[in-house]
């Protein structure tokens, strides 16, 4: 993910599963034998003083749009992983479940208790987290968790089409928009505007802004440099 974030040739990222499931979550056999999944990254972020990173999770923190193409089951850690995508498209076979309460746990990455209510609202998040219910792709769409539901055979085509549409804008503007989108979730409007104004001024001074204006006036596709 870090390589994709820094590679100028990459404009968007698509995450999907291999086989019939997106992710079935943590290996319960490992847990049953006394193993404990490492939470070193979460602990490191909790103790960090770095205020430049927009979110404690990898996918929201990379500079490129991340699209989740959810095929089959995404439960437990798998459901948490889908939360960290910027946009989610689900195949008809997709299922989502935050089943942690049935294992005596809270959502392990913290995304379920922080991002989920911001996406589907407090009431829907409470129902999903407290019941551990596994919901269908259509039910996920109805509460606003996924952008669209498509036949499984069309999932990747839809994801690539969405990635193409999200890759047409200036890469610098896209990266800054994503950063501010996630950082804005944790601050008030006044604090947010203190970031928005200098960010906008940097955009006005960028080569991409000049190219965006010139390409529009010349009625041609822009050639972005990301600078």
Foldseek 3Di string as FASTA:
>chain_A
DQCLLPDPVRAEAEQACPDQFRDPEDDVVCVVVPDDDDPVLVVCVVPDPDPQQLDSDDLLRRQHQYEYLGGAEQEQVRLLVNLSHPAYEYEQRYKYWDQQVVVVHARSNCCLVQRVCVQQNDVVSCCRRVVRDIGTPVVCVVSRNHVYYHHPVCRVVVVVVVSVVSRQAASLVSSVVSSLVRNVSPDDPVVSVVVVVVSVVVVVVDPRVVQVVVCVVVVHRGDHDSD
